[in-house]
Amino acid sequence: MLKLATPLALLATAGAALAHPGHDAAAAQGAAHWLTEWSHWIVLALAGLVMAELGRRAVRALLARRSRREDRA
């Protein structure tokens, strides 16, 4: 569970940035709505950090698995 602490903490703090008025226009703007305000950039940055952390962990796991296979051979 400790391995998930960082990504979960980042995702938990992103909820506050989503809770602001003015999302009525989001339906018309689509994905461009995420680039119109700095508060949205925070959410995108946090999501990017979570994805980078998950990617880093996946790469490390693959490298460790490859290393174990080479040690057995």
PDB file of N, CA and C in Angstrom:
ATOM      1  N   MET A   1       0.822  -1.195   0.000  1.00  0.00           N
ATOM      2  CA  MET A   1       0.000   0.000   0.000  1.00  0.00           C
ATOM      3  C   MET A   1       0.862   1.253   0.000  1.00  0.00           C
ATOM      4  N   LEU A   2       2.035   1.167   0.598  1.00  0.00           N
ATOM      5  CA  LEU A   2       2.920   2.315   0.650  1.00  0.00           C
ATOM      6  C   LEU A   2       3.369   2.738  -0.744  1.00  0.00           C
ATOM      7  N   LYS A   3       3.469   1.786  -1.657  1.00  0.00           N
ATOM      8  CA  LYS A   3       3.868   2.111  -3.026  1.00  0.00           C
ATOM      9  C   LYS A   3       2.852   3.001  -3.717  1.00  0.00           C
ATOM     10  N   LEU A   4       1.607   2.930  -3.316  1.00  0.00           N
ATOM     11  CA  LEU A   4       0.561   3.733  -3.942  1.00  0.00           C
ATOM     12  C   LEU A   4       0.326   5.064  -3.240  1.00  0.00           C
ATOM     13  N   ALA A   5       1.054   5.346  -2.185  1.00  0.00           N
ATOM     14  CA  ALA A   5       0.805   6.551  -1.402  1.00  0.00           C
ATOM     15  C   ALA A   5       1.004   7.825  -2.213  1.00  0.00           C
ATOM     16  N   THR A   6       2.084   7.916  -2.971  1.00  0.00           N
ATOM     17  CA  THR A   6       2.353   9.135  -3.738  1.00  0.00           C
ATOM     18  C   THR A   6       1.305   9.375  -4.816  1.00  0.00           C
ATOM     19  N   PRO A   7       1.009   8.398  -5.681  1.00  0.00           N
ATOM     20  CA  PRO A   7      -0.018   8.656  -6.690  1.00  0.00           C
ATOM     21  C   PRO A   7      -1.391   8.957  -6.089  1.00  0.00           C
ATOM     22  N   LEU A   8      -1.756   8.278  -5.017  1.00  0.00           N
ATOM     23  CA  LEU A   8      -3.052   8.526  -4.401  1.00  0.00           C
ATOM     24  C   LEU A   8      -3.116   9.915  -3.773  1.00  0.00           C
ATOM     25  N   ALA A   9      -2.029  10.357  -3.170  1.00  0.00           N
ATOM     26  CA  ALA A   9      -2.004  11.696  -2.576  1.00  0.00           C
ATOM     27  C   ALA A   9      -2.142  12.761  -3.657  1.00  0.00           C
ATOM     28  N   LEU A  10      -1.494  12.568  -4.785  1.00  0.00           N
ATOM     29  CA  LEU A  10      -1.602  13.531  -5.878  1.00  0.00           C
ATOM     30  C   LEU A  10      -3.014  13.563  -6.453  1.00  0.00           C
ATOM     31  N   LEU A  11      -3.624  12.406  -6.591  1.00  0.00           N
ATOM     32  CA  LEU A  11      -4.986  12.368  -7.124  1.00  0.00           C
ATOM     33  C   LEU A  11      -5.990  12.965  -6.145  1.00  0.00           C
ATOM     34  N   ALA A  12      -5.768  12.784  -4.866  1.00  0.00           N
ATOM     35  CA  ALA A  12      -6.698  13.311  -3.866  1.00  0.00           C
ATOM     36  C   ALA A  12      -6.699  14.828  -3.852  1.00  0.00           C
ATOM     37  N   THR A  13      -5.560  15.458  -4.088  1.00  0.00           N
ATOM     38  CA  THR A  13      -5.492  16.910  -4.076  1.00  0.00           C
ATOM     39  C   THR A  13      -6.027  17.521  -5.362  1.00  0.00           C
ATOM     40  N   ALA A  14      -6.145  16.746  -6.412  1.00  0.00           N
ATOM     41  CA  ALA A  14      -6.632  17.280  -7.682  1.00  0.00           C
ATOM     42  C   ALA A  14      -8.132  17.565  -7.639  1.00  0.00           C
ATOM     43  N   GLY A  15      -8.862  16.941  -6.755  1.00  0.00           N
ATOM     44  CA  GLY A  15     -10.311  17.137  -6.687  1.00  0.00           C
ATOM     45  C   GLY A  15     -10.710  18.560  -6.366  1.00  0.00           C
ATOM     46  N   ALA A  16      -9.947  19.247  -5.533  1.00  0.00           N
ATOM     47  CA  ALA A  16     -10.278  20.626  -5.170  1.00  0.00           C
ATOM     48  C   ALA A  16     -10.176  21.555  -6.369  1.00  0.00           C
ATOM     49  N   ALA A  17      -9.258  21.301  -7.253  1.00  0.00           N
ATOM     50  CA  ALA A  17      -9.101  22.156  -8.431  1.00  0.00           C
ATOM     51  C   ALA A  17     -10.253  21.971  -9.411  1.00  0.00           C
ATOM     52  N   LEU A  18     -10.912  20.854  -9.363  1.00  0.00           N
ATOM     53  CA  LEU A  18     -12.038  20.606 -10.263  1.00  0.00           C
ATOM     54  C   LEU A  18     -13.325  21.261  -9.786  1.00  0.00           C
ATOM     55  N   ALA A  19     -13.382  21.636  -8.531  1.00  0.00           N
ATOM     56  CA  ALA A  19     -14.624  22.126  -7.940  1.00  0.00           C
ATOM     57  C   ALA A  19     -14.735  23.647  -8.026  1.00  0.00           C
ATOM     58  N   HIS A  20     -14.863  24.167  -9.213  1.00  0.00           N
ATOM     59  CA  HIS A  20     -15.067  25.603  -9.361  1.00  0.00           C
ATOM     60  C   HIS A  20     -16.173  25.849 -10.381  1.00  0.00           C
ATOM     61  N   PRO A  21     -16.835  26.990 -10.306  1.00  0.00           N
ATOM     62  CA  PRO A  21     -17.926  27.274 -11.239  1.00  0.00           C
ATOM     63  C   PRO A  21     -17.414  27.573 -12.642  1.00  0.00           C
ATOM     64  N   GLY A  22     -18.309  27.533 -13.607  1.00  0.00           N
ATOM     65  CA  GLY A  22     -17.949  27.883 -14.971  1.00  0.00           C
ATOM     66  C   GLY A  22     -17.753  26.708 -15.892  1.00  0.00           C
ATOM     67  N   HIS A  23     -18.153  25.537 -15.475  1.00  0.00           N
ATOM     68  CA  HIS A  23     -17.983  24.379 -16.337  1.00  0.00           C
ATOM     69  C   HIS A  23     -19.142  24.195 -17.310  1.00  0.00           C
ATOM     70  N   ASP A  24     -20.076  25.142 -17.327  1.00  0.00           N
ATOM     71  CA  ASP A  24     -21.153  25.070 -18.310  1.00  0.00           C
ATOM     72  C   ASP A  24     -20.602  25.225 -19.720  1.00  0.00           C
ATOM     73  N   ALA A  25     -19.596  26.050 -19.877  1.00  0.00           N
ATOM     74  CA  ALA A  25     -18.988  26.285 -21.192  1.00  0.00           C
ATOM     75  C   ALA A  25     -18.119  25.114 -21.638  1.00  0.00           C
ATOM     76  N   ALA A  26     -17.788  24.229 -20.729  1.00  0.00           N
ATOM     77  CA  ALA A  26     -16.905  23.115 -21.069  1.00  0.00           C
ATOM     78  C   ALA A  26     -17.514  22.209 -22.125  1.00  0.00           C
ATOM     79  N   ALA A  27     -18.830  22.084 -22.138  1.00  0.00           N
ATOM     80  CA  ALA A  27     -19.477  21.224 -23.135  1.00  0.00           C
ATOM     81  C   ALA A  27     -19.259  21.761 -24.544  1.00  0.00           C
ATOM     82  N   ALA A  28     -19.267  23.078 -24.682  1.00  0.00           N
ATOM     83  CA  ALA A  28     -19.066  23.680 -26.008  1.00  0.00           C
ATOM     84  C   ALA A  28     -17.593  23.700 -26.395  1.00  0.00           C
ATOM     85  N   GLN A  29     -16.715  23.893 -25.429  1.00  0.00           N
ATOM     86  CA  GLN A  29     -15.285  24.005 -25.719  1.00  0.00           C
ATOM     87  C   GLN A  29     -14.599  22.662 -25.879  1.00  0.00           C
ATOM     88  N   GLY A  30     -15.115  21.648 -25.244  1.00  0.00           N
ATOM     89  CA  GLY A  30     -14.492  20.332 -25.323  1.00  0.00           C
ATOM     90  C   GLY A  30     -13.173  20.285 -24.577  1.00  0.00           C
ATOM     91  N   ALA A  31     -12.189  19.625 -25.180  1.00  0.00           N
ATOM     92  CA  ALA A  31     -10.890  19.451 -24.524  1.00  0.00           C
ATOM     93  C   ALA A  31     -10.142  20.767 -24.373  1.00  0.00           C
ATOM     94  N   ALA A  32     -10.442  21.761 -25.183  1.00  0.00           N
ATOM     95  CA  ALA A  32      -9.773  23.055 -25.075  1.00  0.00           C
ATOM     96  C   ALA A  32     -10.082  23.728 -23.741  1.00  0.00           C
ATOM     97  N   HIS A  33     -11.158  23.341 -23.096  1.00  0.00           N
ATOM     98  CA  HIS A  33     -11.519  23.913 -21.802  1.00  0.00           C
ATOM     99  C   HIS A  33     -10.415  23.700 -20.777  1.00  0.00           C
ATOM    100  N   TRP A  34      -9.684  22.605 -20.869  1.00  0.00           N
ATOM    101  CA  TRP A  34      -8.624  22.308 -19.916  1.00  0.00           C
ATOM    102  C   TRP A  34      -7.458  23.271 -20.039  1.00  0.00           C
ATOM    103  N   LEU A  35      -7.348  23.994 -21.121  1.00  0.00           N
ATOM    104  CA  LEU A  35      -6.227  24.911 -21.315  1.00  0.00           C
ATOM    105  C   LEU A  35      -6.590  26.370 -21.071  1.00  0.00           C
ATOM    106  N   THR A  36      -7.824  26.645 -20.633  1.00  0.00           N
ATOM    107  CA  THR A  36      -8.273  28.027 -20.518  1.00  0.00           C
ATOM    108  C   THR A  36      -7.975  28.677 -19.173  1.00  0.00           C
ATOM    109  N   GLU A  37      -7.732  27.930 -18.119  1.00  0.00           N
ATOM    110  CA  GLU A  37      -7.491  28.509 -16.805  1.00  0.00           C
ATOM    111  C   GLU A  37      -6.328  27.817 -16.121  1.00  0.00           C
ATOM    112  N   TRP A  38      -5.637  28.575 -15.264  1.00  0.00           N
ATOM    113  CA  TRP A  38      -4.483  28.014 -14.561  1.00  0.00           C
ATOM    114  C   TRP A  38      -4.883  26.889 -13.621  1.00  0.00           C
ATOM    115  N   SER A  39      -6.102  26.937 -13.070  1.00  0.00           N
ATOM    116  CA  SER A  39      -6.519  25.870 -12.152  1.00  0.00           C
ATOM    117  C   SER A  39      -6.627  24.534 -12.882  1.00  0.00           C
ATOM    118  N   HIS A  40      -6.942  24.578 -14.158  1.00  0.00           N
ATOM    119  CA  HIS A  40      -6.974  23.347 -14.942  1.00  0.00           C
ATOM    120  C   HIS A  40      -5.564  22.833 -15.203  1.00  0.00           C
ATOM    121  N   TRP A  41      -4.642  23.755 -15.356  1.00  0.00           N
ATOM    122  CA  TRP A  41      -3.259  23.346 -15.595  1.00  0.00           C
ATOM    123  C   TRP A  41      -2.708  22.572 -14.404  1.00  0.00           C
ATOM    124  N   ILE A  42      -3.154  22.950 -13.206  1.00  0.00           N
ATOM    125  CA  ILE A  42      -2.713  22.231 -12.010  1.00  0.00           C
ATOM    126  C   ILE A  42      -3.185  20.779 -12.069  1.00  0.00           C
ATOM    127  N   VAL A  43      -4.432  20.589 -12.448  1.00  0.00           N
ATOM    128  CA  VAL A  43      -4.972  19.229 -12.554  1.00  0.00           C
ATOM    129  C   VAL A  43      -4.204  18.440 -13.609  1.00  0.00           C
ATOM    130  N   LEU A  44      -3.941  19.059 -14.749  1.00  0.00           N
ATOM    131  CA  LEU A  44      -3.182  18.382 -15.806  1.00  0.00           C
ATOM    132  C   LEU A  44      -1.768  18.050 -15.347  1.00  0.00           C
ATOM    133  N   ALA A  45      -1.143  18.965 -14.613  1.00  0.00           N
ATOM    134  CA  ALA A  45       0.202  18.707 -14.102  1.00  0.00           C
ATOM    135  C   ALA A  45       0.198  17.563 -13.098  1.00  0.00           C
ATOM    136  N   LEU A  46      -0.783  17.543 -12.211  1.00  0.00           N
ATOM    137  CA  LEU A  46      -0.873  16.443 -11.242  1.00  0.00           C
ATOM    138  C   LEU A  46      -1.117  15.114 -11.943  1.00  0.00           C
ATOM    139  N   ALA A  47      -1.988  15.126 -12.943  1.00  0.00           N
ATOM    140  CA  ALA A  47      -2.232  13.894 -13.703  1.00  0.00           C
ATOM    141  C   ALA A  47      -0.959  13.451 -14.419  1.00  0.00           C
ATOM    142  N   GLY A  48      -0.198  14.406 -14.940  1.00  0.00           N
ATOM    143  CA  GLY A  48       1.073  14.079 -15.586  1.00  0.00           C
ATOM    144  C   GLY A  48       2.069  13.481 -14.615  1.00  0.00           C
ATOM    145  N   LEU A  49       2.117  14.025 -13.402  1.00  0.00           N
ATOM    146  CA  LEU A  49       3.007  13.472 -12.382  1.00  0.00           C
ATOM    147  C   LEU A  49       2.622  12.044 -12.011  1.00  0.00           C
ATOM    148  N   VAL A  50       1.335  11.809 -11.884  1.00  0.00           N
ATOM    149  CA  VAL A  50       0.869  10.458 -11.557  1.00  0.00           C
ATOM    150  C   VAL A  50       1.234   9.499 -12.687  1.00  0.00           C
ATOM    151  N   MET A  51       1.000   9.919 -13.923  1.00  0.00           N
ATOM    152  CA  MET A  51       1.326   9.052 -15.059  1.00  0.00           C
ATOM    153  C   MET A  51       2.834   8.804 -15.152  1.00  0.00           C
ATOM    154  N   ALA A  52       3.637   9.831 -14.887  1.00  0.00           N
ATOM    155  CA  ALA A  52       5.090   9.660 -14.915  1.00  0.00           C
ATOM    156  C   ALA A  52       5.543   8.692 -13.825  1.00  0.00           C
ATOM    157  N   GLU A  53       4.950   8.807 -12.641  1.00  0.00           N
ATOM    158  CA  GLU A  53       5.307   7.897 -11.547  1.00  0.00           C
ATOM    159  C   GLU A  53       4.915   6.459 -11.882  1.00  0.00           C
ATOM    160  N   LEU A  54       3.730   6.277 -12.423  1.00  0.00           N
ATOM    161  CA  LEU A  54       3.302   4.926 -12.803  1.00  0.00           C
ATOM    162  C   LEU A  54       4.186   4.371 -13.916  1.00  0.00           C
ATOM    163  N   GLY A  55       4.558   5.217 -14.863  1.00  0.00           N
ATOM    164  CA  GLY A  55       5.457   4.785 -15.939  1.00  0.00           C
ATOM    165  C   GLY A  55       6.830   4.414 -15.408  1.00  0.00           C
ATOM    166  N   ARG A  56       7.335   5.224 -14.475  1.00  0.00           N
ATOM    167  CA  ARG A  56       8.638   4.929 -13.876  1.00  0.00           C
ATOM    168  C   ARG A  56       8.616   3.592 -13.149  1.00  0.00           C
ATOM    169  N   ARG A  57       7.545   3.344 -12.426  1.00  0.00           N
ATOM    170  CA  ARG A  57       7.438   2.067 -11.708  1.00  0.00           C
ATOM    171  C   ARG A  57       7.329   0.889 -12.662  1.00  0.00           C
ATOM    172  N   ALA A  58       6.616   1.067 -13.757  1.00  0.00           N
ATOM    173  CA  ALA A  58       6.488  -0.015 -14.741  1.00  0.00           C
ATOM    174  C   ALA A  58       7.837  -0.322 -15.382  1.00  0.00           C
ATOM    175  N   VAL A  59       8.591   0.714 -15.723  1.00  0.00           N
ATOM    176  CA  VAL A  59       9.909   0.503 -16.328  1.00  0.00           C
ATOM    177  C   VAL A  59      10.848  -0.176 -15.353  1.00  0.00           C
ATOM    178  N   ARG A  60      10.828   0.274 -14.105  1.00  0.00           N
ATOM    179  CA  ARG A  60      11.691  -0.370 -13.100  1.00  0.00           C
ATOM    180  C   ARG A  60      11.330  -1.840 -12.910  1.00  0.00           C
ATOM    181  N   ALA A  61      10.040  -2.152 -12.907  1.00  0.00           N
ATOM    182  CA  ALA A  61       9.616  -3.540 -12.748  1.00  0.00           C
ATOM    183  C   ALA A  61      10.072  -4.378 -13.940  1.00  0.00           C
ATOM    184  N   LEU A  62       9.947  -3.847 -15.145  1.00  0.00           N
ATOM    185  CA  LEU A  62      10.393  -4.572 -16.336  1.00  0.00           C
ATOM    186  C   LEU A  62      11.899  -4.790 -16.326  1.00  0.00           C
ATOM    187  N   LEU A  63      12.642  -3.775 -15.928  1.00  0.00           N
ATOM    188  CA  LEU A  63      14.096  -3.922 -15.862  1.00  0.00           C
ATOM    189  C   LEU A  63      14.503  -4.934 -14.795  1.00  0.00           C
ATOM    190  N   ALA A  64      13.807  -4.927 -13.663  1.00  0.00           N
ATOM    191  CA  ALA A  64      14.112  -5.898 -12.611  1.00  0.00           C
ATOM    192  C   ALA A  64      13.789  -7.311 -13.074  1.00  0.00           C
ATOM    193  N   ARG A  65      12.677  -7.468 -13.789  1.00  0.00           N
ATOM    194  CA  ARG A  65      12.306  -8.784 -14.307  1.00  0.00           C
ATOM    195  C   ARG A  65      13.342  -9.269 -15.316  1.00  0.00           C
ATOM    196  N   ARG A  66      13.793  -8.362 -16.190  1.00  0.00           N
ATOM    197  CA  ARG A  66      14.795  -8.731 -17.187  1.00  0.00           C
ATOM    198  C   ARG A  66      16.101  -9.115 -16.510  1.00  0.00           C
ATOM    199  N   SER A  67      16.485  -8.388 -15.464  1.00  0.00           N
ATOM    200  CA  SER A  67      17.702  -8.670 -14.733  1.00  0.00           C
ATOM    201  C   SER A  67      17.644 -10.049 -14.070  1.00  0.00           C
ATOM    202  N   ARG A  68      16.479 -10.386 -13.500  1.00  0.00           N
ATOM    203  CA  ARG A  68      16.331 -11.703 -12.880  1.00  0.00           C
ATOM    204  C   ARG A  68      16.419 -12.820 -13.914  1.00  0.00           C
ATOM    205  N   ARG A  69      15.884 -12.614 -15.105  1.00  0.00           N
ATOM    206  CA  ARG A  69      15.961 -13.635 -16.164  1.00  0.00           C
ATOM    207  C   ARG A  69      17.396 -13.843 -16.593  1.00  0.00           C
ATOM    208  N   GLU A  70      18.148 -12.756 -16.716  1.00  0.00           N
ATOM    209  CA  GLU A  70      19.547 -12.867 -17.138  1.00  0.00           C
ATOM    210  C   GLU A  70      20.382 -13.537 -16.064  1.00  0.00           C
ATOM    211  N   ASP A  71      20.051 -13.337 -14.796  1.00  0.00           N
ATOM    212  CA  ASP A  71      20.792 -13.967 -13.714  1.00  0.00           C
ATOM    213  C   ASP A  71      20.568 -15.475 -13.707  1.00  0.00           C
ATOM    214  N   ARG A  72      19.371 -15.919 -14.085  1.00  0.00           N
ATOM    215  CA  ARG A  72      19.075 -17.358 -14.120  1.00  0.00           C
ATOM    216  C   ARG A  72      19.761 -18.052 -15.281  1.00  0.00           C
ATOM    217  N   ALA A  73      20.008 -17.337 -16.356  1.00  0.00           N
ATOM    218  CA  ALA A  73      20.585 -17.958 -17.559  1.00  0.00           C
ATOM    219  C   ALA A  73      22.056 -18.169 -17.457  1.00  0.00           C
TER     220      ALA A  73
END
